[in-house]
């Protein structure tokens, strides 16, 4: 059986069972929410009743088949999400959901002023906190990266154009325009490994969310994750892959897109299975091992 299946069909509407109907919604608002609130309503009613501020707090409040609803405030959520096990699972009639409502989940952090070191004329060096799969951004935009050609190995630092960077010998090198100090620029790097990690969870749905600037993958689904649905998600400029599916995981990607991810749009490994419905990739998906 092929591990990447491109199909087109209409999803059946979900009908709630009596047990799943008891599930609740936890609302998150990173502008006006308070983590001391209960998260049960999207607008504050008093000190105890209203949206929470962080996804981290929402994750502490949810149970199986619940929904986390993110307010789209125009400000990214600088967090990562890990859905592991039955507590973050649902049932066919009521999946565990993360509703993005158009919000952005970002893995970027600012670079401390003292991290840059000048190593040449308009040439600066940064030692990343973790090695591999680097992402360097300015504001909300990915900076231009110089990479070795296929099969090429650099024996010395290549010549960079202004506002261009490269990774060499576990360092990031950036050339700035003349007399520009990167310590005065809004530069950031991908820090968190993955935007959403799903492991050993079943009946999970993520919708209407942009996931960008994570060090590894926008979404990583692996080992015993079943019936995972990604609807209208944008997987943008992550350090390895927009979506990685591995182990024995199974994912359906619908009305979604990947763009500008450093190595792969969709990476399928081992026995992973991805069904792709009306979704766009800027580069062809990568299958590292055929499904047996």
Protein backbone atom coordinates (compact mmCIF):
# COMPACT_ATOMS: atom_id res chain seq x y z
CA UNK A 1 0.00 0.00 0.00
CA UNK A 2 1.36 3.41 -0.94
CA UNK A 3 2.08 5.60 2.02
CA UNK A 4 1.06 8.80 0.27
CA UNK A 5 -2.47 8.68 -1.09
CA UNK A 6 -3.98 11.67 -2.88
CA UNK A 7 -7.75 11.38 -2.66
CA UNK A 8 -10.78 13.64 -2.98
CA UNK A 9 -13.99 12.99 -1.16
CA UNK A 10 -16.44 14.70 1.16
CA UNK A 11 -16.08 14.09 4.89
CA UNK A 12 -19.14 12.73 6.60
CA UNK A 13 -20.72 15.13 9.09
CA UNK A 14 -20.08 14.25 12.71
CA UNK A 15 -22.95 13.30 15.00
CA UNK A 16 -22.31 13.66 18.73
CA UNK A 17 -22.87 10.70 20.98
CA UNK A 18 -24.32 11.23 24.44
CA UNK A 19 -20.93 10.64 26.11
CA UNK A 20 -18.97 12.99 23.85
CA UNK A 21 -21.64 15.68 24.19
CA UNK A 22 -20.32 16.38 27.69
CA UNK A 23 -17.02 17.64 26.28
CA UNK A 24 -16.15 21.29 26.87
CA UNK A 25 -14.44 24.17 25.06
CA UNK A 26 -11.49 26.00 26.62
CA UNK A 27 -10.97 29.48 25.17
CA UNK A 28 -7.52 31.09 24.85
CA UNK A 29 -6.80 34.76 24.20
CA UNK A 30 -3.16 35.86 24.34
CA UNK A 31 -4.05 39.54 24.66
CA UNK A 32 -6.80 39.80 27.27
CA UNK A 33 -6.93 36.28 28.75
CA UNK A 34 -5.80 35.41 32.27
CA UNK A 35 -4.40 32.02 33.25
CA UNK A 36 -6.20 32.34 36.59
CA UNK A 37 -9.53 32.19 34.69
CA UNK A 38 -11.46 29.00 33.96
CA UNK A 39 -11.35 29.29 30.14
CA UNK A 40 -15.01 28.37 29.80
CA UNK A 41 -16.15 31.55 27.98
CA UNK A 42 -14.45 33.64 25.31
CA UNK A 43 -15.00 37.01 27.04
CA UNK A 44 -14.18 37.78 30.66
CA UNK A 45 -17.18 37.95 32.98
CA UNK A 46 -15.32 38.33 36.25
CA UNK A 47 -11.91 37.53 37.72
CA UNK A 48 -12.55 33.79 37.63
CA UNK A 49 -14.60 33.43 34.46
CA UNK A 50 -13.09 34.16 31.05
CA UNK A 51 -10.48 32.98 28.55
CA UNK A 52 -7.04 31.82 29.63
CA UNK A 53 -3.96 33.57 28.27
CA UNK A 54 -1.76 30.65 27.20
CA UNK A 55 -2.18 27.39 25.36
CA UNK A 56 -0.05 25.82 28.08
CA UNK A 57 -2.75 26.63 30.65
CA UNK A 58 -5.51 25.39 28.35
CA UNK A 59 -3.67 22.07 28.03
CA UNK A 60 -3.83 21.70 31.81
CA UNK A 61 -7.61 22.18 31.81
CA UNK A 62 -8.70 19.90 28.96
CA UNK A 63 -9.73 16.26 28.97
CA UNK A 64 -10.53 13.74 26.23
CA UNK A 65 -12.80 15.06 23.43
CA UNK A 66 -12.46 18.66 24.59
CA UNK A 67 -11.75 21.62 22.31
CA UNK A 68 -9.14 24.36 22.61
CA UNK A 69 -10.29 27.50 20.78
CA UNK A 70 -7.65 30.15 20.04
CA UNK A 71 -8.63 33.78 19.58
CA UNK A 72 -7.06 35.36 16.51
CA UNK A 73 -5.73 38.50 18.16
CA UNK A 74 -3.21 39.44 15.47
CA UNK A 75 -0.38 38.43 17.80
CA UNK A 76 1.24 34.99 17.37
CA UNK A 77 1.12 32.39 20.10
CA UNK A 78 4.79 31.77 20.87
CA UNK A 79 4.23 28.27 22.22
CA UNK A 80 4.37 24.63 21.21
CA UNK A 81 1.73 21.93 21.72
CA UNK A 82 2.23 18.27 22.64
CA UNK A 83 -0.75 15.91 22.38
CA UNK A 84 0.24 12.60 23.93
CA UNK A 85 -2.03 9.75 24.96
CA UNK A 86 -5.70 9.21 25.71
CA UNK A 87 -6.21 12.50 27.59
CA UNK A 88 -5.65 14.36 24.34
CA UNK A 89 -7.69 11.93 22.24
CA UNK A 90 -11.31 11.91 21.21
CA UNK A 91 -13.83 9.57 19.65
CA UNK A 92 -15.15 9.45 16.12
CA UNK A 93 -18.25 11.43 17.07
CA UNK A 94 -16.28 14.10 18.96
CA UNK A 95 -12.54 14.41 18.27
CA UNK A 96 -10.15 16.31 20.48
CA UNK A 97 -9.84 19.65 18.68
CA UNK A 98 -7.60 22.66 18.40
CA UNK A 99 -9.46 25.42 16.58
CA UNK A 100 -7.04 28.07 15.38
CA UNK A 101 -9.61 30.54 14.01
CA UNK A 102 -6.88 31.98 11.77
CA UNK A 103 -4.31 32.44 14.54
CA UNK A 104 -0.55 31.91 14.20
CA UNK A 105 1.54 29.48 16.24
CA UNK A 106 5.21 30.54 16.13
CA UNK A 107 8.41 28.85 17.27
CA UNK A 108 10.57 31.97 16.96
CA UNK A 109 12.42 33.66 19.79
CA UNK A 110 14.45 36.85 19.76
CA UNK A 111 18.25 36.71 19.65
CA UNK A 112 19.97 38.15 22.73
CA UNK A 113 22.07 41.20 21.93
CA UNK A 114 25.30 39.58 23.08
CA UNK A 115 24.88 36.47 20.91
CA UNK A 116 26.21 38.03 17.70
CA UNK A 117 29.98 38.28 17.13
CA UNK A 118 31.54 40.30 14.32
CA UNK A 119 33.99 38.11 12.38
CA UNK A 120 34.62 40.26 9.29
CA UNK A 121 33.50 43.37 7.48
CA UNK A 122 29.69 43.34 7.73
CA UNK A 123 29.94 39.62 8.57
CA UNK A 124 28.49 38.30 11.83
CA UNK A 125 28.47 34.90 13.47
CA UNK A 126 25.92 33.33 15.80
CA UNK A 127 26.37 30.07 17.71
CA UNK A 128 22.91 28.47 17.90
CA UNK A 129 21.67 27.02 21.15
CA UNK A 130 20.94 23.73 19.37
CA UNK A 131 22.56 22.33 16.25
CA UNK A 132 20.85 21.65 12.95
CA UNK A 133 17.70 22.72 11.09
CA UNK A 134 18.19 26.43 11.58
CA UNK A 135 15.62 29.14 10.92
CA UNK A 136 16.65 32.81 10.83
CA UNK A 137 13.97 35.48 10.51
CA UNK A 138 13.68 39.25 10.54
CA UNK A 139 10.39 40.38 11.98
CA UNK A 140 7.93 37.92 10.47
CA UNK A 141 9.97 37.18 7.32
CA UNK A 142 12.43 34.40 6.63
CA UNK A 143 15.85 35.73 5.64
CA UNK A 144 17.47 34.48 2.44
CA UNK A 145 19.65 31.42 3.04
CA UNK A 146 22.58 30.26 0.91
CA UNK A 147 22.76 26.44 0.80
CA UNK A 148 25.28 24.07 -0.80
CA UNK A 149 24.24 22.74 -4.18
CA UNK A 150 23.17 19.08 -4.25
CA UNK A 151 26.25 16.95 -3.66
CA UNK A 152 28.40 19.98 -2.81
CA UNK A 153 30.44 20.25 0.41
CA UNK A 154 31.82 23.57 1.52
CA UNK A 155 35.46 23.56 2.62
CA UNK A 156 35.38 27.23 3.57
CA UNK A 157 32.82 29.85 4.38
CA UNK A 158 31.06 30.91 1.14
CA UNK A 159 30.69 34.50 0.03
CA UNK A 160 27.37 35.94 1.20
CA UNK A 161 25.31 38.77 -0.21
CA UNK A 162 23.90 41.48 2.09
CA UNK A 163 20.93 40.17 4.10
CA UNK A 164 21.92 36.59 3.28
CA UNK A 165 22.92 33.89 5.76
CA UNK A 166 24.25 30.36 5.76
CA UNK A 167 24.87 27.51 8.18
CA UNK A 168 28.48 26.31 8.29
CA UNK A 169 30.27 24.21 10.90
CA UNK A 170 27.35 24.44 13.34
CA UNK A 171 27.31 28.23 13.19
CA UNK A 172 25.04 30.79 11.53
CA UNK A 173 26.80 33.47 9.46
CA UNK A 174 24.97 36.60 8.37
CA UNK A 175 26.16 39.38 6.10
CA UNK A 176 24.49 42.69 6.76
CA UNK A 177 24.35 45.79 4.55
CA UNK A 178 27.25 48.21 5.20
CA UNK A 179 27.30 49.68 8.71
CA UNK A 180 24.24 47.73 9.84
CA UNK A 181 24.52 46.08 13.25
CA UNK A 182 22.37 42.93 13.57
CA UNK A 183 22.04 43.57 17.29
CA UNK A 184 19.78 46.47 16.42
CA UNK A 185 17.55 44.44 14.10
CA UNK A 186 14.40 42.44 14.98
CA UNK A 187 16.10 39.10 14.29
CA UNK A 188 14.90 35.76 15.64
CA UNK A 189 15.61 32.05 15.37
CA UNK A 190 13.39 28.97 15.43
CA UNK A 191 13.62 27.64 18.98
CA UNK A 192 10.86 25.15 19.84
CA UNK A 193 11.32 21.84 18.01
CA UNK A 194 7.78 21.34 16.67
CA UNK A 195 4.63 23.42 16.58
CA UNK A 196 2.35 20.47 17.32
CA UNK A 197 3.53 16.99 18.28
CA UNK A 198 0.96 14.18 18.27
CA UNK A 199 1.92 10.81 19.75
CA UNK A 200 -0.25 7.83 20.74
CA UNK A 201 -3.42 9.93 20.41
CA UNK A 202 -6.54 9.10 18.39
CA UNK A 203 -9.29 11.17 16.80
CA UNK A 204 -7.52 14.54 16.82
CA UNK A 205 -8.45 17.52 14.64
CA UNK A 206 -6.49 20.75 14.11
CA UNK A 207 -8.06 23.48 12.00
CA UNK A 208 -7.56 27.03 10.71
CA UNK A 209 -4.06 27.55 12.09
CA UNK A 210 -0.78 28.86 10.64
CA UNK A 211 2.26 27.10 12.10
CA UNK A 212 5.62 28.67 11.33
CA UNK A 213 9.26 29.14 12.31
CA UNK A 214 9.80 25.99 14.36
CA UNK A 215 13.27 24.46 14.48
CA UNK A 216 12.16 21.08 13.17
CA UNK A 217 8.57 20.54 12.00
CA UNK A 218 5.37 22.50 11.91
CA UNK A 219 3.44 19.34 12.81
CA UNK A 220 5.04 16.03 13.77
CA UNK A 221 2.76 12.99 14.01
CA UNK A 222 4.29 9.65 14.93
CA UNK A 223 3.87 6.23 16.56
CA UNK A 224 0.32 5.10 17.33
CA UNK A 225 -1.33 8.37 16.31
CA UNK A 226 -4.53 7.49 14.46
CA UNK A 227 -7.34 9.42 12.75
CA UNK A 228 -5.49 12.72 12.86
CA UNK A 229 -7.15 15.40 10.73
CA UNK A 230 -5.46 18.66 9.71
CA UNK A 231 -7.91 21.07 8.07
CA UNK A 232 -6.97 24.43 6.55
CA UNK A 233 -3.56 24.57 8.19
CA UNK A 234 -0.66 26.57 6.75
CA UNK A 235 2.76 25.05 7.47
CA UNK A 236 5.26 27.78 6.74
CA UNK A 237 9.05 28.23 6.94
CA UNK A 238 9.90 25.54 9.47
CA UNK A 239 13.44 24.23 9.86
CA UNK A 240 12.93 20.70 8.58
CA UNK A 241 9.40 19.88 7.37
CA UNK A 242 5.99 21.45 7.30
CA UNK A 243 4.44 18.09 8.22
CA UNK A 244 6.34 14.97 9.31
CA UNK A 245 4.53 11.63 9.61
CA UNK A 246 6.45 8.68 11.02
CA UNK A 247 6.26 5.40 12.87
CA UNK A 248 2.79 3.95 12.33
CA UNK A 249 0.95 7.29 12.34
CA UNK A 250 -1.92 8.11 9.99
CA UNK A 251 -2.87 11.66 9.00
CA UNK A 252 -5.37 13.30 6.68
CA UNK A 253 -4.43 16.76 5.34
CA UNK A 254 -7.31 18.77 3.85
CA UNK A 255 -7.45 22.22 2.19
CA UNK A 256 -3.98 23.01 3.53
CA UNK A 257 -0.62 24.18 2.22
CA UNK A 258 3.10 24.13 2.93
CA UNK A 259 5.53 26.86 1.89
CA UNK A 260 9.19 27.66 2.41
CA UNK A 261 10.03 24.83 4.80
CA UNK A 262 13.78 24.36 4.82
CA UNK A 263 14.02 20.70 3.73
CA UNK A 264 10.64 19.04 3.16
CA UNK A 265 7.05 20.05 2.56
CA UNK A 266 5.66 16.69 3.70
CA UNK A 267 8.07 14.10 5.12
CA UNK A 268 6.82 10.51 5.42
CA UNK A 269 9.00 8.00 7.24
CA UNK A 270 8.78 4.32 8.22
CA UNK A 271 5.14 3.16 8.14
CA UNK A 272 3.60 6.62 8.22
CA UNK A 273 0.55 7.24 6.04
CA UNK A 274 -0.70 10.60 4.76
CA UNK A 275 -3.90 11.17 2.83
CA UNK A 276 -3.84 14.50 1.03
CA UNK A 277 -7.07 16.19 -0.03
CA UNK A 278 -7.09 19.45 -1.99
CA UNK A 279 -3.80 20.64 -0.46
CA UNK A 280 -0.80 22.38 -1.99
CA UNK A 281 2.94 21.72 -1.63
CA UNK A 282 5.63 24.07 -2.90
CA UNK A 283 7.95 21.04 -3.28
CA UNK A 284 7.10 17.38 -3.79
CA UNK A 285 6.53 15.29 -0.62
CA UNK A 286 9.41 13.08 0.53
CA UNK A 287 8.96 9.37 1.26
CA UNK A 288 12.01 7.87 2.92
CA UNK A 289 10.78 4.29 3.05
CA UNK A 290 7.95 2.58 1.19
CA UNK A 291 5.01 1.29 3.22
CA UNK A 292 5.13 -2.49 3.39
